């Protein structure tokens, strides 16, 4: 039997209720998804013939442990005409440092596409 879904904090999903949230009984990490839960969802997506969703969920799992402020800065950097090729490579290297190799590969792919379409800063 597989482990139940759980929050990043380790709290089991059944304990994550709107009532507890309203009563301020949950911390931010209680409502943050755990990478293992995302990986389980990725395996299900793959098993049901949706490899693209599975890959997206695996990239999300890589980012689950990256601080929120860094993730938001990454999203901003990936908007068209916001970053140079060098800045995107720096971002990809930082992602590699977080163990987010799938995300780093996606950023490198985006840099190539942006260059080809004139979307770099």
C-alpha atoms as a PDB file:
ATOM      1  CA  UNK A   1       0.000   0.000   0.000  1.00  0.00           C
ATOM      2  CA  UNK A   2       1.345   3.443  -0.903  1.00  0.00           C
ATOM      3  CA  UNK A   3       1.875   6.246   1.569  1.00  0.00           C
ATOM      4  CA  UNK A   4      -0.991   8.720   1.804  1.00  0.00           C
ATOM      5  CA  UNK A   5      -0.639  12.159   0.277  1.00  0.00           C
ATOM      6  CA  UNK A   6       0.975  14.611   2.630  1.00  0.00           C
ATOM      7  CA  UNK A   7       1.929  18.234   2.919  1.00  0.00           C
ATOM      8  CA  UNK A   8       5.486  19.503   2.669  1.00  0.00           C
ATOM      9  CA  UNK A   9       5.494  19.659   6.476  1.00  0.00           C
ATOM     10  CA  UNK A  10       4.725  15.952   6.616  1.00  0.00           C
ATOM     11  CA  UNK A  11       1.183  16.452   7.870  1.00  0.00           C
ATOM     12  CA  UNK A  12      -1.194  13.920   6.262  1.00  0.00           C
ATOM     13  CA  UNK A  13      -3.638  15.317   3.719  1.00  0.00           C
ATOM     14  CA  UNK A  14      -6.762  14.378   5.744  1.00  0.00           C
ATOM     15  CA  UNK A  15      -5.601  16.820   8.451  1.00  0.00           C
ATOM     16  CA  UNK A  16      -5.557  19.710   5.950  1.00  0.00           C
ATOM     17  CA  UNK A  17      -9.028  21.139   6.253  1.00  0.00           C
ATOM     18  CA  UNK A  18     -10.569  24.513   5.539  1.00  0.00           C
ATOM     19  CA  UNK A  19     -11.702  24.604   9.160  1.00  0.00           C
ATOM     20  CA  UNK A  20      -8.128  24.212  10.426  1.00  0.00           C
ATOM     21  CA  UNK A  21      -6.966  26.853   7.995  1.00  0.00           C
ATOM     22  CA  UNK A  22      -9.688  29.265   9.161  1.00  0.00           C
ATOM     23  CA  UNK A  23      -8.692  28.611  12.785  1.00  0.00           C
ATOM     24  CA  UNK A  24      -5.029  29.361  11.966  1.00  0.00           C
ATOM     25  CA  UNK A  25      -3.996  25.823  12.897  1.00  0.00           C
ATOM     26  CA  UNK A  26      -2.009  25.329   9.703  1.00  0.00           C
ATOM     27  CA  UNK A  27       1.431  26.686   8.875  1.00  0.00           C
ATOM     28  CA  UNK A  28       2.546  27.633   5.350  1.00  0.00           C
ATOM     29  CA  UNK A  29       4.373  24.316   4.917  1.00  0.00           C
ATOM     30  CA  UNK A  30       1.131  22.513   5.795  1.00  0.00           C
ATOM     31  CA  UNK A  31      -0.491  23.796   2.612  1.00  0.00           C
ATOM     32  CA  UNK A  32       2.576  23.282   0.448  1.00  0.00           C
ATOM     33  CA  UNK A  33       2.576  20.026  -1.517  1.00  0.00           C
ATOM     34  CA  UNK A  34       5.283  17.451  -0.851  1.00  0.00           C
ATOM     35  CA  UNK A  35       7.551  16.391  -3.748  1.00  0.00           C
ATOM     36  CA  UNK A  36       6.676  12.725  -3.163  1.00  0.00           C
ATOM     37  CA  UNK A  37       2.983  13.526  -3.630  1.00  0.00           C
ATOM     38  CA  UNK A  38       3.762  15.227  -6.944  1.00  0.00           C
ATOM     39  CA  UNK A  39       5.855  12.242  -8.040  1.00  0.00           C
ATOM     40  CA  UNK A  40       2.978   9.894  -7.193  1.00  0.00           C
ATOM     41  CA  UNK A  41       0.658  12.059  -9.292  1.00  0.00           C
ATOM     42  CA  UNK A  42       3.227  12.012 -12.120  1.00  0.00           C
ATOM     43  CA  UNK A  43       3.295   8.209 -12.101  1.00  0.00           C
ATOM     44  CA  UNK A  44      -0.504   8.140 -12.294  1.00  0.00           C
ATOM     45  CA  UNK A  45      -0.533  10.615 -15.188  1.00  0.00           C
ATOM     46  CA  UNK A  46       2.042   8.531 -17.005  1.00  0.00           C
ATOM     47  CA  UNK A  47       0.100   5.311 -16.369  1.00  0.00           C
ATOM     48  CA  UNK A  48      -2.991   6.950 -17.845  1.00  0.00           C
ATOM     49  CA  UNK A  49      -1.240   8.022 -21.041  1.00  0.00           C
ATOM     50  CA  UNK A  50      -0.438  11.629 -20.209  1.00  0.00           C
ATOM     51  CA  UNK A  51       3.373  11.938 -20.315  1.00  0.00           C
ATOM     52  CA  UNK A  52       3.280  15.739 -20.698  1.00  0.00           C
ATOM     53  CA  UNK A  53       1.356  16.137 -17.445  1.00  0.00           C
ATOM     54  CA  UNK A  54       3.704  13.656 -15.776  1.00  0.00           C
ATOM     55  CA  UNK A  55       6.725  15.736 -16.831  1.00  0.00           C
ATOM     56  CA  UNK A  56       5.085  18.955 -15.580  1.00  0.00           C
ATOM     57  CA  UNK A  57       4.374  17.320 -12.224  1.00  0.00           C
ATOM     58  CA  UNK A  58       7.974  16.123 -11.971  1.00  0.00           C
ATOM     59  CA  UNK A  59       9.236  19.644 -12.631  1.00  0.00           C
ATOM     60  CA  UNK A  60       6.851  20.889  -9.945  1.00  0.00           C
ATOM     61  CA  UNK A  61       8.279  18.284  -7.564  1.00  0.00           C
ATOM     62  CA  UNK A  62      11.753  19.665  -8.220  1.00  0.00           C
ATOM     63  CA  UNK A  63      10.577  23.174  -7.351  1.00  0.00           C
ATOM     64  CA  UNK A  64       8.644  22.171  -4.227  1.00  0.00           C
ATOM     65  CA  UNK A  65      11.655  22.682  -1.980  1.00  0.00           C
ATOM     66  CA  UNK A  66      12.846  25.919  -3.630  1.00  0.00           C
ATOM     67  CA  UNK A  67      11.917  29.003  -1.592  1.00  0.00           C
ATOM     68  CA  UNK A  68       8.816  30.760  -2.936  1.00  0.00           C
ATOM     69  CA  UNK A  69      10.597  34.073  -3.518  1.00  0.00           C
ATOM     70  CA  UNK A  70      13.157  32.317  -5.739  1.00  0.00           C
ATOM     71  CA  UNK A  71      10.423  30.562  -7.724  1.00  0.00           C
ATOM     72  CA  UNK A  72       8.617  33.852  -8.314  1.00  0.00           C
ATOM     73  CA  UNK A  73      11.862  35.499  -9.441  1.00  0.00           C
ATOM     74  CA  UNK A  74      12.395  32.598 -11.845  1.00  0.00           C
ATOM     75  CA  UNK A  75       8.940  33.050 -13.353  1.00  0.00           C
ATOM     76  CA  UNK A  76       9.664  36.749 -13.843  1.00  0.00           C
ATOM     77  CA  UNK A  77      13.026  35.994 -15.460  1.00  0.00           C
ATOM     78  CA  UNK A  78      11.367  33.600 -17.911  1.00  0.00           C
ATOM     79  CA  UNK A  79       8.950  36.171 -19.269  1.00  0.00           C
ATOM     80  CA  UNK A  80       9.827  37.261 -22.824  1.00  0.00           C
ATOM     81  CA  UNK A  81      12.375  40.075 -23.092  1.00  0.00           C
ATOM     82  CA  UNK A  82      13.147  40.009 -19.344  1.00  0.00           C
ATOM     83  CA  UNK A  83      16.463  38.139 -19.430  1.00  0.00           C
ATOM     84  CA  UNK A  84      19.554  37.778 -21.556  1.00  0.00           C
ATOM     85  CA  UNK A  85      20.852  34.377 -22.629  1.00  0.00           C
ATOM     86  CA  UNK A  86      23.543  34.677 -19.957  1.00  0.00           C
ATOM     87  CA  UNK A  87      20.959  35.440 -17.255  1.00  0.00           C
ATOM     88  CA  UNK A  88      18.901  32.423 -18.285  1.00  0.00           C
ATOM     89  CA  UNK A  89      22.005  30.229 -18.124  1.00  0.00           C
ATOM     90  CA  UNK A  90      22.683  31.583 -14.619  1.00  0.00           C
ATOM     91  CA  UNK A  91      19.106  30.671 -13.706  1.00  0.00           C
ATOM     92  CA  UNK A  92      19.542  27.170 -15.152  1.00  0.00           C
ATOM     93  CA  UNK A  93      22.770  26.728 -13.179  1.00  0.00           C
ATOM     94  CA  UNK A  94      20.976  27.806  -9.985  1.00  0.00           C
ATOM     95  CA  UNK A  95      18.247  25.267 -10.700  1.00  0.00           C
ATOM     96  CA  UNK A  96      20.889  22.575 -11.183  1.00  0.00           C
ATOM     97  CA  UNK A  97      22.219  23.599  -7.761  1.00  0.00           C
ATOM     98  CA  UNK A  98      18.795  22.939  -6.254  1.00  0.00           C
ATOM     99  CA  UNK A  99      18.712  19.515  -7.907  1.00  0.00           C
ATOM    100  CA  UNK A 100      16.056  20.753 -10.323  1.00  0.00           C
ATOM    101  CA  UNK A 101      17.666  19.301 -13.438  1.00  0.00           C
ATOM    102  CA  UNK A 102      14.417  18.979 -15.408  1.00  0.00           C
ATOM    103  CA  UNK A 103      13.616  22.638 -14.735  1.00  0.00           C
ATOM    104  CA  UNK A 104      17.169  23.654 -15.646  1.00  0.00           C
ATOM    105  CA  UNK A 105      16.860  21.817 -18.959  1.00  0.00           C
ATOM    106  CA  UNK A 106      13.561  23.585 -19.643  1.00  0.00           C
ATOM    107  CA  UNK A 107      15.153  26.997 -18.983  1.00  0.00           C
ATOM    108  CA  UNK A 108      18.007  26.159 -21.350  1.00  0.00           C
ATOM    109  CA  UNK A 109      15.488  25.081 -23.992  1.00  0.00           C
ATOM    110  CA  UNK A 110      13.556  28.329 -23.465  1.00  0.00           C
ATOM    111  CA  UNK A 111      16.759  30.344 -23.949  1.00  0.00           C
ATOM    112  CA  UNK A 112      17.319  28.719 -27.351  1.00  0.00           C
ATOM    113  CA  UNK A 113      13.713  29.318 -28.411  1.00  0.00           C
ATOM    114  CA  UNK A 114      13.758  32.904 -27.123  1.00  0.00           C
ATOM    115  CA  UNK A 115      16.983  33.572 -29.042  1.00  0.00           C
ATOM    116  CA  UNK A 116      15.445  32.209 -32.235  1.00  0.00           C
ATOM    117  CA  UNK A 117      12.322  34.319 -31.847  1.00  0.00           C
ATOM    118  CA  UNK A 118      14.019  37.527 -30.744  1.00  0.00           C
ATOM    119  CA  UNK A 119      12.572  37.345 -27.222  1.00  0.00           C
ATOM    120  CA  UNK A 120      15.769  37.824 -25.215  1.00  0.00           C
ATOM    121  CA  UNK A 121      16.448  41.104 -23.410  1.00  0.00           C
END
